[in-house]
Amino acid sequence: MSLTDFYRGNAWRQLRKRLMLERVKADGVLYCEYCNKPIVKASGCIGHHIEPITADNVHNWDIALNPDNVQLVHAKCH
C-alpha cells in the first residue's frame, strides 16, 4: 500500500472523522492542536501524524491508525 492509498483509504478517513467528532470541545468548536485556534471548515482540518507515516510503517496500525499518534491541525499549521 502506498502512502497515497493509505490517506485515500476508508480506515484513515473514518479515523479522521471520528477524531474530529471526539475532539470538539464543550463550546462546540474543534481547535487546532498546534495553534489552538478554531478550525472553521472540516476541509481545512488535517490529520497530522506525530510519528510520520512512511512506506516502512504504513502497515503498522499502531502507528498509522493510532489516535494518540494523530493531531488535528489547520492546513496552514501542517
N, C-alpha and C. Protein backbone atom coordinates (compact mmCIF):
# COMPACT_ATOMS: atom_id res chain seq x y z
N MET A 1 0.85 -1.18 0.00
CA MET A 1 0.00 0.00 0.00
C MET A 1 0.89 1.24 0.00
N SER A 2 0.58 2.16 -0.89
CA SER A 2 1.33 3.41 -0.93
C SER A 2 0.76 4.38 0.10
N LEU A 3 1.49 5.44 0.39
CA LEU A 3 1.00 6.46 1.32
C LEU A 3 -0.25 7.13 0.78
N THR A 4 -0.28 7.34 -0.52
CA THR A 4 -1.47 7.94 -1.15
C THR A 4 -2.68 7.04 -0.96
N ASP A 5 -2.50 5.75 -1.18
CA ASP A 5 -3.59 4.79 -0.97
C ASP A 5 -4.06 4.81 0.48
N PHE A 6 -3.12 4.90 1.42
CA PHE A 6 -3.48 4.94 2.83
C PHE A 6 -4.36 6.15 3.13
N TYR A 7 -3.93 7.33 2.71
CA TYR A 7 -4.67 8.56 3.03
C TYR A 7 -6.00 8.65 2.28
N ARG A 8 -6.13 7.95 1.19
CA ARG A 8 -7.40 7.90 0.47
C ARG A 8 -8.30 6.77 0.95
N GLY A 9 -7.76 5.92 1.81
CA GLY A 9 -8.47 4.73 2.25
C GLY A 9 -9.55 5.00 3.28
N ASN A 10 -10.45 4.06 3.37
CA ASN A 10 -11.60 4.16 4.25
C ASN A 10 -11.20 4.19 5.73
N ALA A 11 -10.22 3.38 6.12
CA ALA A 11 -9.81 3.32 7.52
C ALA A 11 -9.30 4.68 8.01
N TRP A 12 -8.45 5.33 7.21
CA TRP A 12 -7.94 6.64 7.59
C TRP A 12 -9.05 7.69 7.61
N ARG A 13 -9.89 7.69 6.62
CA ARG A 13 -10.98 8.68 6.56
C ARG A 13 -11.93 8.53 7.74
N GLN A 14 -12.23 7.29 8.11
CA GLN A 14 -13.11 7.06 9.26
C GLN A 14 -12.45 7.50 10.57
N LEU A 15 -11.16 7.21 10.72
CA LEU A 15 -10.45 7.64 11.93
C LEU A 15 -10.44 9.16 12.03
N ARG A 16 -10.10 9.83 10.96
CA ARG A 16 -10.05 11.30 10.96
C ARG A 16 -11.41 11.88 11.32
N LYS A 17 -12.46 11.35 10.73
CA LYS A 17 -13.82 11.82 11.00
C LYS A 17 -14.19 11.59 12.47
N ARG A 18 -13.87 10.40 12.98
CA ARG A 18 -14.18 10.08 14.38
C ARG A 18 -13.43 11.01 15.33
N LEU A 19 -12.14 11.26 15.04
CA LEU A 19 -11.35 12.14 15.89
C LEU A 19 -11.90 13.57 15.87
N MET A 20 -12.36 14.01 14.71
CA MET A 20 -12.93 15.35 14.62
C MET A 20 -14.17 15.46 15.50
N LEU A 21 -14.99 14.43 15.55
CA LEU A 21 -16.18 14.44 16.39
C LEU A 21 -15.81 14.34 17.87
N GLU A 22 -14.86 13.49 18.20
CA GLU A 22 -14.47 13.28 19.59
C GLU A 22 -13.74 14.47 20.19
N ARG A 23 -13.03 15.22 19.38
CA ARG A 23 -12.18 16.28 19.91
C ARG A 23 -12.82 17.67 19.88
N VAL A 24 -14.08 17.73 19.55
CA VAL A 24 -14.81 19.00 19.66
C VAL A 24 -14.91 19.34 21.14
N LYS A 25 -14.62 20.56 21.48
CA LYS A 25 -14.65 21.00 22.88
C LYS A 25 -16.08 21.27 23.34
N ALA A 26 -16.25 21.53 24.62
CA ALA A 26 -17.57 21.76 25.22
C ALA A 26 -18.29 22.94 24.57
N ASP A 27 -17.54 23.88 24.01
CA ASP A 27 -18.17 25.04 23.35
C ASP A 27 -18.62 24.72 21.92
N GLY A 28 -18.44 23.46 21.50
CA GLY A 28 -18.87 23.04 20.17
C GLY A 28 -17.88 23.32 19.05
N VAL A 29 -16.67 23.71 19.42
CA VAL A 29 -15.67 24.10 18.43
C VAL A 29 -14.52 23.08 18.43
N LEU A 30 -14.03 22.79 17.23
CA LEU A 30 -12.83 21.97 17.08
C LEU A 30 -11.65 22.93 16.94
N TYR A 31 -10.66 22.75 17.80
CA TYR A 31 -9.49 23.62 17.80
C TYR A 31 -8.27 22.91 17.22
N CYS A 32 -7.46 23.68 16.52
CA CYS A 32 -6.19 23.19 16.01
C CYS A 32 -5.32 22.78 17.20
N GLU A 33 -4.78 21.58 17.15
CA GLU A 33 -3.96 21.10 18.25
C GLU A 33 -2.52 21.61 18.18
N TYR A 34 -2.26 22.48 17.23
CA TYR A 34 -0.95 23.12 17.13
C TYR A 34 -1.03 24.57 17.59
N CYS A 35 -1.93 25.35 16.98
CA CYS A 35 -2.01 26.79 17.30
C CYS A 35 -3.17 27.14 18.23
N ASN A 36 -4.07 26.18 18.47
CA ASN A 36 -5.21 26.33 19.37
C ASN A 36 -6.25 27.34 18.87
N LYS A 37 -6.25 27.63 17.58
CA LYS A 37 -7.30 28.48 17.00
C LYS A 37 -8.39 27.58 16.42
N PRO A 38 -9.62 28.09 16.34
CA PRO A 38 -10.72 27.27 15.81
C PRO A 38 -10.47 26.82 14.37
N ILE A 39 -10.87 25.59 14.10
CA ILE A 39 -10.88 25.07 12.73
C ILE A 39 -12.31 25.24 12.25
N VAL A 40 -12.52 26.16 11.32
CA VAL A 40 -13.87 26.54 10.91
C VAL A 40 -14.47 25.54 9.92
N LYS A 41 -13.67 25.09 8.97
CA LYS A 41 -14.18 24.17 7.95
C LYS A 41 -13.54 22.80 8.13
N ALA A 42 -14.35 21.76 8.01
CA ALA A 42 -13.82 20.40 8.10
C ALA A 42 -12.75 20.16 7.04
N SER A 43 -12.93 20.77 5.87
CA SER A 43 -11.95 20.59 4.79
C SER A 43 -10.61 21.24 5.11
N GLY A 44 -10.58 22.12 6.09
CA GLY A 44 -9.35 22.77 6.50
C GLY A 44 -8.64 22.04 7.62
N CYS A 45 -9.17 20.89 8.01
CA CYS A 45 -8.60 20.11 9.10
C CYS A 45 -7.75 18.96 8.54
N ILE A 46 -6.51 18.92 8.97
CA ILE A 46 -5.58 17.89 8.54
C ILE A 46 -5.29 16.97 9.72
N GLY A 47 -5.30 15.67 9.47
CA GLY A 47 -4.84 14.73 10.48
C GLY A 47 -3.34 14.57 10.32
N HIS A 48 -2.59 15.09 11.28
CA HIS A 48 -1.12 15.09 11.22
C HIS A 48 -0.58 13.98 12.12
N HIS A 49 0.22 13.09 11.55
CA HIS A 49 0.85 12.03 12.32
C HIS A 49 2.06 12.58 13.07
N ILE A 50 2.09 12.38 14.37
CA ILE A 50 3.21 12.83 15.19
C ILE A 50 4.46 12.04 14.80
N GLU A 51 4.32 10.71 14.80
CA GLU A 51 5.38 9.87 14.22
C GLU A 51 4.99 9.69 12.77
N PRO A 52 5.76 10.26 11.85
CA PRO A 52 5.37 10.27 10.44
C PRO A 52 5.13 8.88 9.87
N ILE A 53 4.20 8.82 8.95
CA ILE A 53 3.91 7.60 8.21
C ILE A 53 4.91 7.50 7.06
N THR A 54 5.50 6.32 6.93
CA THR A 54 6.46 6.06 5.86
C THR A 54 6.04 4.79 5.13
N ALA A 55 6.71 4.52 4.04
CA ALA A 55 6.44 3.27 3.30
C ALA A 55 6.74 2.06 4.18
N ASP A 56 7.66 2.21 5.13
CA ASP A 56 8.03 1.10 6.00
C ASP A 56 7.03 0.85 7.13
N ASN A 57 6.31 1.89 7.58
CA ASN A 57 5.41 1.69 8.72
C ASN A 57 3.92 1.90 8.40
N VAL A 58 3.59 2.13 7.15
CA VAL A 58 2.20 2.39 6.78
C VAL A 58 1.29 1.21 7.12
N HIS A 59 1.85 0.01 7.20
CA HIS A 59 1.05 -1.18 7.53
C HIS A 59 0.99 -1.43 9.04
N ASN A 60 1.71 -0.66 9.81
CA ASN A 60 1.70 -0.81 11.25
C ASN A 60 0.57 0.05 11.81
N TRP A 61 -0.55 -0.60 12.11
CA TRP A 61 -1.74 0.15 12.54
C TRP A 61 -1.53 0.85 13.88
N ASP A 62 -0.56 0.37 14.69
CA ASP A 62 -0.27 1.05 15.95
C ASP A 62 0.33 2.43 15.73
N ILE A 63 0.84 2.65 14.55
CA ILE A 63 1.36 3.97 14.18
C ILE A 63 0.37 4.69 13.26
N ALA A 64 -0.02 4.03 12.20
CA ALA A 64 -0.82 4.67 11.15
C ALA A 64 -2.23 5.03 11.61
N LEU A 65 -2.85 4.17 12.43
CA LEU A 65 -4.24 4.41 12.85
C LEU A 65 -4.39 4.55 14.36
N ASN A 66 -3.32 4.93 15.01
CA ASN A 66 -3.34 5.14 16.46
C ASN A 66 -3.80 6.57 16.74
N PRO A 67 -4.95 6.77 17.37
CA PRO A 67 -5.44 8.12 17.65
C PRO A 67 -4.44 8.97 18.44
N ASP A 68 -3.63 8.31 19.29
CA ASP A 68 -2.64 9.05 20.07
C ASP A 68 -1.48 9.54 19.22
N ASN A 69 -1.39 9.07 17.99
CA ASN A 69 -0.34 9.50 17.07
C ASN A 69 -0.85 10.53 16.06
N VAL A 70 -2.08 10.99 16.23
CA VAL A 70 -2.68 11.92 15.26
C VAL A 70 -3.10 13.21 15.96
N GLN A 71 -2.63 14.32 15.43
CA GLN A 71 -3.08 15.65 15.85
C GLN A 71 -3.97 16.20 14.76
N LEU A 72 -5.01 16.91 15.15
CA LEU A 72 -5.86 17.60 14.18
C LEU A 72 -5.40 19.06 14.12
N VAL A 73 -4.96 19.47 12.95
CA VAL A 73 -4.39 20.81 12.79
C VAL A 73 -4.96 21.50 11.56
N HIS A 74 -4.80 22.82 11.52
CA HIS A 74 -5.14 23.58 10.31
C HIS A 74 -4.23 23.15 9.17
N ALA A 75 -4.71 23.27 7.98
CA ALA A 75 -3.86 23.01 6.82
C ALA A 75 -2.63 23.90 6.85
N LYS A 76 -2.77 25.16 7.28
CA LYS A 76 -1.63 26.08 7.31
C LYS A 76 -0.63 25.75 8.42
N CYS A 77 -1.06 25.01 9.46
CA CYS A 77 -0.16 24.61 10.54
C CYS A 77 0.54 23.29 10.22
N HIS A 78 0.08 22.60 9.21
CA HIS A 78 0.64 21.30 8.87
C HIS A 78 1.94 21.51 8.20
